[in-house]
């Protein structure tokens, strides 16, 4: 899957969900975050949530959630690797599912 195929303006399967999710209020913001995270991480470099957050302009919690989204089938079933740097600090790597 390439960046060009990430079109979150399309109906399902490009949708978010959850108890507090409101499409009208959240779809545009979450889609922009996911596109940013994908664009940044597609180079397969290892990054901390802090680094990714700074580059993407979103909170660490948000970029962490978007990394989890990228693992889901509807967002491409990409591989998101995680490795521990020190206690409580991890780096993440995206392997794009072509």
PDB file of N, CA and C in Angstrom:
ATOM      1  N   UNK A   1       0.845  -1.169   0.000  1.00  0.00           N
ATOM      2  CA  UNK A   1       0.000   0.000   0.000  1.00  0.00           C
ATOM      3  C   UNK A   1       0.890   1.231   0.000  1.00  0.00           C
ATOM      4  N   UNK A   2       0.616   2.157  -0.860  1.00  0.00           N
ATOM      5  CA  UNK A   2       1.394   3.383  -0.925  1.00  0.00           C
ATOM      6  C   UNK A   2       0.613   4.524  -0.310  1.00  0.00           C
ATOM      7  N   UNK A   3       1.288   5.643  -0.110  1.00  0.00           N
ATOM      8  CA  UNK A   3       0.619   6.806   0.462  1.00  0.00           C
ATOM      9  C   UNK A   3      -0.583   7.211  -0.386  1.00  0.00           C
ATOM     10  N   UNK A   4      -0.462   7.065  -1.703  1.00  0.00           N
ATOM     11  CA  UNK A   4      -1.544   7.460  -2.593  1.00  0.00           C
ATOM     12  C   UNK A   4      -2.805   6.620  -2.383  1.00  0.00           C
ATOM     13  N   UNK A   5      -2.675   5.403  -1.870  1.00  0.00           N
ATOM     14  CA  UNK A   5      -3.839   4.563  -1.674  1.00  0.00           C
ATOM     15  C   UNK A   5      -4.503   4.797  -0.322  1.00  0.00           C
ATOM     16  N   UNK A   6      -3.893   5.648   0.511  1.00  0.00           N
ATOM     17  CA  UNK A   6      -4.525   5.975   1.788  1.00  0.00           C
ATOM     18  C   UNK A   6      -5.526   7.095   1.558  1.00  0.00           C
ATOM     19  N   UNK A   7      -6.746   6.745   1.214  1.00  0.00           N
ATOM     20  CA  UNK A   7      -7.783   7.732   0.940  1.00  0.00           C
ATOM     21  C   UNK A   7      -8.886   7.585   1.967  1.00  0.00           C
ATOM     22  N   UNK A   8      -8.809   8.401   2.998  1.00  0.00           N
ATOM     23  CA  UNK A   8      -9.734   8.275   4.110  1.00  0.00           C
ATOM     24  C   UNK A   8     -11.021   9.048   3.899  1.00  0.00           C
ATOM     25  N   UNK A   9     -11.181   9.662   2.723  1.00  0.00           N
ATOM     26  CA  UNK A   9     -12.443  10.325   2.411  1.00  0.00           C
ATOM     27  C   UNK A   9     -13.448   9.327   1.860  1.00  0.00           C
ATOM     28  N   UNK A  10     -12.969   8.116   1.558  1.00  0.00           N
ATOM     29  CA  UNK A  10     -13.825   7.072   1.039  1.00  0.00           C
ATOM     30  C   UNK A  10     -14.591   6.405   2.181  1.00  0.00           C
ATOM     31  N   UNK A  11     -15.746   5.837   1.870  1.00  0.00           N
ATOM     32  CA  UNK A  11     -16.481   5.089   2.898  1.00  0.00           C
ATOM     33  C   UNK A  11     -15.694   3.857   3.333  1.00  0.00           C
ATOM     34  N   UNK A  12     -16.242   3.098   4.256  1.00  0.00           N
ATOM     35  CA  UNK A  12     -15.603   1.894   4.776  1.00  0.00           C
ATOM     36  C   UNK A  12     -14.936   1.143   3.629  1.00  0.00           C
ATOM     37  N   UNK A  13     -13.773   0.536   3.836  1.00  0.00           N
ATOM     38  CA  UNK A  13     -13.169   0.198   5.104  1.00  0.00           C
ATOM     39  C   UNK A  13     -12.308   1.297   5.715  1.00  0.00           C
ATOM     40  N   UNK A  14     -12.214   2.483   5.114  1.00  0.00           N
ATOM     41  CA  UNK A  14     -11.381   3.558   5.652  1.00  0.00           C
ATOM     42  C   UNK A  14     -12.161   4.345   6.683  1.00  0.00           C
ATOM     43  N   UNK A  15     -12.446   3.696   7.793  1.00  0.00           N
ATOM     44  CA  UNK A  15     -13.194   4.376   8.850  1.00  0.00           C
ATOM     45  C   UNK A  15     -12.565   4.071  10.203  1.00  0.00           C
ATOM     46  N   UNK A  16     -12.765   4.981  11.105  1.00  0.00           N
ATOM     47  CA  UNK A  16     -12.335   4.796  12.482  1.00  0.00           C
ATOM     48  C   UNK A  16     -13.552   4.360  13.276  1.00  0.00           C
ATOM     49  N   UNK A  17     -13.319   3.897  14.500  1.00  0.00           N
ATOM     50  CA  UNK A  17     -14.435   3.498  15.337  1.00  0.00           C
ATOM     51  C   UNK A  17     -14.061   3.685  16.795  1.00  0.00           C
ATOM     52  N   UNK A  18     -14.943   3.313  17.653  1.00  0.00           N
ATOM     53  CA  UNK A  18     -14.718   3.424  19.090  1.00  0.00           C
ATOM     54  C   UNK A  18     -15.899   4.103  19.757  1.00  0.00           C
ATOM     55  N   UNK A  19     -15.994   3.930  21.046  1.00  0.00           N
ATOM     56  CA  UNK A  19     -17.138   4.443  21.799  1.00  0.00           C
ATOM     57  C   UNK A  19     -17.274   5.965  21.716  1.00  0.00           C
ATOM     58  N   UNK A  20     -16.159   6.664  21.687  1.00  0.00           N
ATOM     59  CA  UNK A  20     -16.220   8.131  21.692  1.00  0.00           C
ATOM     60  C   UNK A  20     -16.020   8.729  20.309  1.00  0.00           C
ATOM     61  N   UNK A  21     -15.888   7.905  19.287  1.00  0.00           N
ATOM     62  CA  UNK A  21     -15.654   8.391  17.929  1.00  0.00           C
ATOM     63  C   UNK A  21     -16.912   9.001  17.336  1.00  0.00           C
ATOM     64  N   UNK A  22     -16.779  10.216  16.815  1.00  0.00           N
ATOM     65  CA  UNK A  22     -17.850  10.898  16.105  1.00  0.00           C
ATOM     66  C   UNK A  22     -17.327  11.252  14.715  1.00  0.00           C
ATOM     67  N   UNK A  23     -17.830  10.604  13.673  1.00  0.00           N
ATOM     68  CA  UNK A  23     -17.307  10.866  12.328  1.00  0.00           C
ATOM     69  C   UNK A  23     -17.282  12.350  11.973  1.00  0.00           C
ATOM     70  N   UNK A  24     -18.330  13.030  12.291  1.00  0.00           N
ATOM     71  CA  UNK A  24     -18.416  14.454  11.942  1.00  0.00           C
ATOM     72  C   UNK A  24     -17.321  15.266  12.637  1.00  0.00           C
ATOM     73  N   UNK A  25     -17.010  14.926  13.879  1.00  0.00           N
ATOM     74  CA  UNK A  25     -16.026  15.680  14.641  1.00  0.00           C
ATOM     75  C   UNK A  25     -14.604  15.139  14.491  1.00  0.00           C
ATOM     76  N   UNK A  26     -14.446  13.858  14.202  1.00  0.00           N
ATOM     77  CA  UNK A  26     -13.132  13.224  14.294  1.00  0.00           C
ATOM     78  C   UNK A  26     -12.524  12.735  12.989  1.00  0.00           C
ATOM     79  N   UNK A  27     -13.314  12.442  11.975  1.00  0.00           N
ATOM     80  CA  UNK A  27     -12.805  11.809  10.753  1.00  0.00           C
ATOM     81  C   UNK A  27     -11.669  12.599  10.106  1.00  0.00           C
ATOM     82  N   UNK A  28     -11.849  13.883   9.908  1.00  0.00           N
ATOM     83  CA  UNK A  28     -10.833  14.694   9.231  1.00  0.00           C
ATOM     84  C   UNK A  28      -9.540  14.736  10.034  1.00  0.00           C
ATOM     85  N   UNK A  29      -9.649  14.961  11.342  1.00  0.00           N
ATOM     86  CA  UNK A  29      -8.464  15.046  12.208  1.00  0.00           C
ATOM     87  C   UNK A  29      -7.719  13.722  12.255  1.00  0.00           C
ATOM     88  N   UNK A  30      -8.430  12.633  12.476  1.00  0.00           N
ATOM     89  CA  UNK A  30      -7.786  11.324  12.571  1.00  0.00           C
ATOM     90  C   UNK A  30      -7.190  10.895  11.229  1.00  0.00           C
ATOM     91  N   UNK A  31      -7.863  11.212  10.149  1.00  0.00           N
ATOM     92  CA  UNK A  31      -7.336  10.887   8.822  1.00  0.00           C
ATOM     93  C   UNK A  31      -6.041  11.643   8.557  1.00  0.00           C
ATOM     94  N   UNK A  32      -6.010  12.918   8.929  1.00  0.00           N
ATOM     95  CA  UNK A  32      -4.795  13.717   8.749  1.00  0.00           C
ATOM     96  C   UNK A  32      -3.658  13.157   9.604  1.00  0.00           C
ATOM     97  N   UNK A  33      -3.958  12.767  10.826  1.00  0.00           N
ATOM     98  CA  UNK A  33      -2.937  12.179  11.697  1.00  0.00           C
ATOM     99  C   UNK A  33      -2.410  10.875  11.108  1.00  0.00           C
ATOM    100  N   UNK A  34      -3.309  10.034  10.649  1.00  0.00           N
ATOM    101  CA  UNK A  34      -2.900   8.740  10.110  1.00  0.00           C
ATOM    102  C   UNK A  34      -2.056   8.920   8.851  1.00  0.00           C
ATOM    103  N   UNK A  35      -2.452   9.829   7.990  1.00  0.00           N
ATOM    104  CA  UNK A  35      -1.685  10.106   6.787  1.00  0.00           C
ATOM    105  C   UNK A  35      -0.298  10.626   7.144  1.00  0.00           C
ATOM    106  N   UNK A  36      -0.219  11.511   8.135  1.00  0.00           N
ATOM    107  CA  UNK A  36       1.072  12.055   8.570  1.00  0.00           C
ATOM    108  C   UNK A  36       1.960  10.954   9.151  1.00  0.00           C
ATOM    109  N   UNK A  37       1.406  10.143  10.027  1.00  0.00           N
ATOM    110  CA  UNK A  37       2.185   9.066  10.653  1.00  0.00           C
ATOM    111  C   UNK A  37       2.674   8.090   9.582  1.00  0.00           C
ATOM    112  N   UNK A  38       1.806   7.712   8.671  1.00  0.00           N
ATOM    113  CA  UNK A  38       2.197   6.799   7.598  1.00  0.00           C
ATOM    114  C   UNK A  38       3.307   7.410   6.749  1.00  0.00           C
ATOM    115  N   UNK A  39       3.154   8.669   6.366  1.00  0.00           N
ATOM    116  CA  UNK A  39       4.142   9.339   5.526  1.00  0.00           C
ATOM    117  C   UNK A  39       5.505   9.414   6.191  1.00  0.00           C
ATOM    118  N   UNK A  40       5.510   9.680   7.477  1.00  0.00           N
ATOM    119  CA  UNK A  40       6.757   9.783   8.230  1.00  0.00           C
ATOM    120  C   UNK A  40       7.400   8.415   8.405  1.00  0.00           C
ATOM    121  N   UNK A  41       6.618   7.438   8.780  1.00  0.00           N
ATOM    122  CA  UNK A  41       7.146   6.132   9.170  1.00  0.00           C
ATOM    123  C   UNK A  41       7.422   5.196   7.994  1.00  0.00           C
ATOM    124  N   UNK A  42       6.940   5.498   6.825  1.00  0.00           N
ATOM    125  CA  UNK A  42       7.088   4.580   5.693  1.00  0.00           C
ATOM    126  C   UNK A  42       8.526   4.366   5.268  1.00  0.00           C
ATOM    127  N   UNK A  43       9.465   5.183   5.787  1.00  0.00           N
ATOM    128  CA  UNK A  43      10.884   5.000   5.463  1.00  0.00           C
ATOM    129  C   UNK A  43      11.542   3.888   6.279  1.00  0.00           C
ATOM    130  N   UNK A  44      10.773   3.258   7.159  1.00  0.00           N
ATOM    131  CA  UNK A  44      11.216   2.114   7.977  1.00  0.00           C
ATOM    132  C   UNK A  44      12.280   2.490   9.010  1.00  0.00           C
ATOM    133  N   UNK A  45      12.450   3.771   9.305  1.00  0.00           N
ATOM    134  CA  UNK A  45      13.384   4.185  10.358  1.00  0.00           C
ATOM    135  C   UNK A  45      12.718   4.019  11.716  1.00  0.00           C
ATOM    136  N   UNK A  46      13.532   3.740  12.718  1.00  0.00           N
ATOM    137  CA  UNK A  46      13.042   3.586  14.085  1.00  0.00           C
ATOM    138  C   UNK A  46      12.886   4.964  14.723  1.00  0.00           C
ATOM    139  N   UNK A  47      11.726   5.197  15.380  1.00  0.00           N
ATOM    140  CA  UNK A  47      11.456   6.466  16.048  1.00  0.00           C
ATOM    141  C   UNK A  47      10.721   6.224  17.362  1.00  0.00           C
ATOM    142  N   UNK A  48      10.981   7.104  18.328  1.00  0.00           N
ATOM    143  CA  UNK A  48      10.206   7.071  19.566  1.00  0.00           C
ATOM    144  C   UNK A  48       8.882   7.782  19.320  1.00  0.00           C
ATOM    145  N   UNK A  49       7.942   7.580  20.226  1.00  0.00           N
ATOM    146  CA  UNK A  49       6.676   8.301  20.119  1.00  0.00           C
ATOM    147  C   UNK A  49       6.900   9.800  20.222  1.00  0.00           C
ATOM    148  N   UNK A  50       7.857  10.207  21.050  1.00  0.00           N
ATOM    149  CA  UNK A  50       8.165  11.621  21.194  1.00  0.00           C
ATOM    150  C   UNK A  50       8.657  12.213  19.875  1.00  0.00           C
ATOM    151  N   UNK A  51       9.566  11.512  19.208  1.00  0.00           N
ATOM    152  CA  UNK A  51      10.067  11.981  17.913  1.00  0.00           C
ATOM    153  C   UNK A  51       8.942  12.051  16.887  1.00  0.00           C
ATOM    154  N   UNK A  52       8.156  11.005  16.829  1.00  0.00           N
ATOM    155  CA  UNK A  52       7.054  10.948  15.874  1.00  0.00           C
ATOM    156  C   UNK A  52       6.023  12.026  16.159  1.00  0.00           C
ATOM    157  N   UNK A  53       5.738  12.242  17.429  1.00  0.00           N
ATOM    158  CA  UNK A  53       4.793  13.273  17.838  1.00  0.00           C
ATOM    159  C   UNK A  53       5.256  14.660  17.383  1.00  0.00           C
ATOM    160  N   UNK A  54       6.524  14.945  17.574  1.00  0.00           N
ATOM    161  CA  UNK A  54       7.074  16.247  17.185  1.00  0.00           C
ATOM    162  C   UNK A  54       6.984  16.460  15.678  1.00  0.00           C
ATOM    163  N   UNK A  55       7.304  15.443  14.920  1.00  0.00           N
ATOM    164  CA  UNK A  55       7.286  15.557  13.462  1.00  0.00           C
ATOM    165  C   UNK A  55       5.851  15.651  12.936  1.00  0.00           C
ATOM    166  N   UNK A  56       4.961  14.829  13.490  1.00  0.00           N
ATOM    167  CA  UNK A  56       3.580  14.762  13.001  1.00  0.00           C
ATOM    168  C   UNK A  56       2.706  15.904  13.523  1.00  0.00           C
ATOM    169  N   UNK A  57       3.137  16.538  14.610  1.00  0.00           N
ATOM    170  CA  UNK A  57       2.328  17.617  15.177  1.00  0.00           C
ATOM    171  C   UNK A  57       1.093  17.114  15.892  1.00  0.00           C
ATOM    172  N   UNK A  58       1.207  15.945  16.498  1.00  0.00           N
ATOM    173  CA  UNK A  58       0.093  15.347  17.241  1.00  0.00           C
ATOM    174  C   UNK A  58       0.639  14.812  18.558  1.00  0.00           C
ATOM    175  N   UNK A  59      -0.233  14.548  19.500  1.00  0.00           N
ATOM    176  CA  UNK A  59       0.205  14.053  20.800  1.00  0.00           C
ATOM    177  C   UNK A  59       0.787  12.644  20.680  1.00  0.00           C
ATOM    178  N   UNK A  60       1.574  12.267  21.683  1.00  0.00           N
ATOM    179  CA  UNK A  60       2.131  10.911  21.697  1.00  0.00           C
ATOM    180  C   UNK A  60       1.018   9.868  21.731  1.00  0.00           C
ATOM    181  N   UNK A  61      -0.023  10.141  22.492  1.00  0.00           N
ATOM    182  CA  UNK A  61      -1.152   9.199  22.553  1.00  0.00           C
ATOM    183  C   UNK A  61      -1.797   9.040  21.178  1.00  0.00           C
ATOM    184  N   UNK A  62      -1.915  10.146  20.449  1.00  0.00           N
ATOM    185  CA  UNK A  62      -2.526  10.086  19.120  1.00  0.00           C
ATOM    186  C   UNK A  62      -1.667   9.318  18.130  1.00  0.00           C
ATOM    187  N   UNK A  63      -0.357   9.579  18.117  1.00  0.00           N
ATOM    188  CA  UNK A  63       0.487   8.858  17.161  1.00  0.00           C
ATOM    189  C   UNK A  63       0.585   7.382  17.525  1.00  0.00           C
ATOM    190  N   UNK A  64       0.546   7.078  18.811  1.00  0.00           N
ATOM    191  CA  UNK A  64       0.531   5.678  19.237  1.00  0.00           C
ATOM    192  C   UNK A  64      -0.732   4.986  18.725  1.00  0.00           C
ATOM    193  N   UNK A  65      -1.860   5.666  18.832  1.00  0.00           N
ATOM    194  CA  UNK A  65      -3.126   5.108  18.345  1.00  0.00           C
ATOM    195  C   UNK A  65      -3.099   4.923  16.830  1.00  0.00           C
ATOM    196  N   UNK A  66      -2.494   5.873  16.127  1.00  0.00           N
ATOM    197  CA  UNK A  66      -2.421   5.752  14.670  1.00  0.00           C
ATOM    198  C   UNK A  66      -1.499   4.603  14.259  1.00  0.00           C
ATOM    199  N   UNK A  67      -0.421   4.368  15.003  1.00  0.00           N
ATOM    200  CA  UNK A  67       0.418   3.196  14.723  1.00  0.00           C
ATOM    201  C   UNK A  67      -0.388   1.915  14.904  1.00  0.00           C
ATOM    202  N   UNK A  68      -1.213   1.861  15.945  1.00  0.00           N
ATOM    203  CA  UNK A  68      -2.065   0.684  16.143  1.00  0.00           C
ATOM    204  C   UNK A  68      -3.056   0.547  14.986  1.00  0.00           C
ATOM    205  N   UNK A  69      -3.592   1.687  14.522  1.00  0.00           N
ATOM    206  CA  UNK A  69      -4.520   1.642  13.391  1.00  0.00           C
ATOM    207  C   UNK A  69      -3.852   1.027  12.165  1.00  0.00           C
ATOM    208  N   UNK A  70      -2.598   1.389  11.911  1.00  0.00           N
ATOM    209  CA  UNK A  70      -1.913   0.894  10.724  1.00  0.00           C
ATOM    210  C   UNK A  70      -1.741  -0.625  10.720  1.00  0.00           C
ATOM    211  N   UNK A  71      -1.853  -1.245  11.871  1.00  0.00           N
ATOM    212  CA  UNK A  71      -1.791  -2.711  11.948  1.00  0.00           C
ATOM    213  C   UNK A  71      -3.102  -3.354  11.489  1.00  0.00           C
ATOM    214  N   UNK A  72      -4.184  -2.612  11.548  1.00  0.00           N
ATOM    215  CA  UNK A  72      -5.513  -3.147  11.237  1.00  0.00           C
ATOM    216  C   UNK A  72      -5.674  -3.379   9.742  1.00  0.00           C
ATOM    217  N   UNK A  73      -6.446  -4.400   9.398  1.00  0.00           N
ATOM    218  CA  UNK A  73      -6.676  -4.757   7.993  1.00  0.00           C
ATOM    219  C   UNK A  73      -7.228  -3.578   7.197  1.00  0.00           C
ATOM    220  N   UNK A  74      -8.156  -2.847   7.749  1.00  0.00           N
ATOM    221  CA  UNK A  74      -8.775  -1.762   6.988  1.00  0.00           C
ATOM    222  C   UNK A  74      -7.836  -0.588   6.731  1.00  0.00           C
ATOM    223  N   UNK A  75      -6.692  -0.569   7.426  1.00  0.00           N
ATOM    224  CA  UNK A  75      -5.693   0.471   7.198  1.00  0.00           C
ATOM    225  C   UNK A  75      -4.416  -0.100   6.594  1.00  0.00           C
ATOM    226  N   UNK A  76      -4.477  -1.306   6.077  1.00  0.00           N
ATOM    227  CA  UNK A  76      -3.370  -1.850   5.318  1.00  0.00           C
ATOM    228  C   UNK A  76      -2.660  -3.058   5.888  1.00  0.00           C
ATOM    229  N   UNK A  77      -2.966  -3.454   7.113  1.00  0.00           N
ATOM    230  CA  UNK A  77      -2.293  -4.605   7.737  1.00  0.00           C
ATOM    231  C   UNK A  77      -0.774  -4.472   7.695  1.00  0.00           C
ATOM    232  N   UNK A  78      -0.287  -3.281   7.988  1.00  0.00           N
ATOM    233  CA  UNK A  78       1.152  -3.044   8.002  1.00  0.00           C
ATOM    234  C   UNK A  78       1.765  -3.647   9.262  1.00  0.00           C
ATOM    235  N   UNK A  79       3.053  -3.866   9.231  1.00  0.00           N
ATOM    236  CA  UNK A  79       3.772  -4.371  10.396  1.00  0.00           C
ATOM    237  C   UNK A  79       4.344  -3.172  11.147  1.00  0.00           C
ATOM    238  N   UNK A  80       4.048  -3.093  12.425  1.00  0.00           N
ATOM    239  CA  UNK A  80       4.631  -2.060  13.277  1.00  0.00           C
ATOM    240  C   UNK A  80       5.474  -2.778  14.320  1.00  0.00           C
ATOM    241  N   UNK A  81       6.769  -2.647  14.165  1.00  0.00           N
ATOM    242  CA  UNK A  81       7.704  -3.269  15.104  1.00  0.00           C
ATOM    243  C   UNK A  81       7.957  -2.337  16.273  1.00  0.00           C
ATOM    244  N   UNK A  82       8.241  -2.941  17.415  1.00  0.00           N
ATOM    245  CA  UNK A  82       8.539  -2.176  18.623  1.00  0.00           C
ATOM    246  C   UNK A  82       9.752  -2.791  19.292  1.00  0.00           C
ATOM    247  N   UNK A  83      10.662  -1.934  19.743  1.00  0.00           N
ATOM    248  CA  UNK A  83      11.801  -2.442  20.506  1.00  0.00           C
ATOM    249  C   UNK A  83      12.068  -1.508  21.682  1.00  0.00           C
ATOM    250  N   UNK A  84      12.494  -2.117  22.779  1.00  0.00           N
ATOM    251  CA  UNK A  84      12.747  -1.375  24.016  1.00  0.00           C
ATOM    252  C   UNK A  84      14.137  -0.746  23.958  1.00  0.00           C
ATOM    253  N   UNK A  85      14.205   0.557  24.237  1.00  0.00           N
ATOM    254  CA  UNK A  85      15.496   1.227  24.370  1.00  0.00           C
ATOM    255  C   UNK A  85      15.987   1.121  25.801  1.00  0.00           C
ATOM    256  N   UNK A  86      15.144   1.581  26.706  1.00  0.00           N
ATOM    257  CA  UNK A  86      15.389   1.477  28.145  1.00  0.00           C
ATOM    258  C   UNK A  86      14.037   1.238  28.794  1.00  0.00           C
ATOM    259  N   UNK A  87      14.035   1.024  30.090  1.00  0.00           N
ATOM    260  CA  UNK A  87      12.768   0.761  30.783  1.00  0.00           C
ATOM    261  C   UNK A  87      11.747   1.855  30.462  1.00  0.00           C
ATOM    262  N   UNK A  88      10.640   1.462  29.869  1.00  0.00           N
ATOM    263  CA  UNK A  88       9.556   2.386  29.587  1.00  0.00           C
ATOM    264  C   UNK A  88       9.704   3.213  28.323  1.00  0.00           C
ATOM    265  N   UNK A  89      10.788   3.072  27.582  1.00  0.00           N
ATOM    266  CA  UNK A  89      10.986   3.840  26.350  1.00  0.00           C
ATOM    267  C   UNK A  89      11.186   2.877  25.187  1.00  0.00           C
ATOM    268  N   UNK A  90      10.327   3.020  24.192  1.00  0.00           N
ATOM    269  CA  UNK A  90      10.338   2.144  23.030  1.00  0.00           C
ATOM    270  C   UNK A  90      10.523   2.950  21.755  1.00  0.00           C
ATOM    271  N   UNK A  91      11.045   2.292  20.731  1.00  0.00           N
ATOM    272  CA  UNK A  91      11.076   2.868  19.395  1.00  0.00           C
ATOM    273  C   UNK A  91      10.193   2.001  18.508  1.00  0.00           C
ATOM    274  N   UNK A  92       9.698   2.611  17.442  1.00  0.00           N
ATOM    275  CA  UNK A  92       8.759   1.947  16.545  1.00  0.00           C
ATOM    276  C   UNK A  92       9.245   2.061  15.111  1.00  0.00           C
ATOM    277  N   UNK A  93       8.933   1.023  14.347  1.00  0.00           N
ATOM    278  CA  UNK A  93       9.303   0.965  12.941  1.00  0.00           C
ATOM    279  C   UNK A  93       8.101   0.449  12.155  1.00  0.00           C
ATOM    280  N   UNK A  94       7.818   1.083  11.033  1.00  0.00           N
ATOM    281  CA  UNK A  94       6.739   0.641  10.160  1.00  0.00           C
ATOM    282  C   UNK A  94       7.323  -0.093   8.956  1.00  0.00           C
ATOM    283  N   UNK A  95       6.814  -1.292   8.714  1.00  0.00           N
ATOM    284  CA  UNK A  95       7.130  -2.037   7.500  1.00  0.00           C
ATOM    285  C   UNK A  95       5.852  -2.030   6.665  1.00  0.00           C
ATOM    286  N   UNK A  96       5.902  -1.319   5.555  1.00  0.00           N
ATOM    287  CA  UNK A  96       4.716  -1.140   4.723  1.00  0.00           C
ATOM    288  C   UNK A  96       4.346  -2.445   4.040  1.00  0.00           C
ATOM    289  N   UNK A  97       3.082  -2.789   4.104  1.00  0.00           N
ATOM    290  CA  UNK A  97       2.525  -3.964   3.453  1.00  0.00           C
ATOM    291  C   UNK A  97       2.188  -3.555   2.016  1.00  0.00           C
ATOM    292  N   UNK A  98       3.077  -3.870   1.108  1.00  0.00           N
ATOM    293  CA  UNK A  98       2.877  -3.504  -0.292  1.00  0.00           C
ATOM    294  C   UNK A  98       1.797  -4.358  -0.904  1.00  0.00           C
TER     295      UNK A  98
END
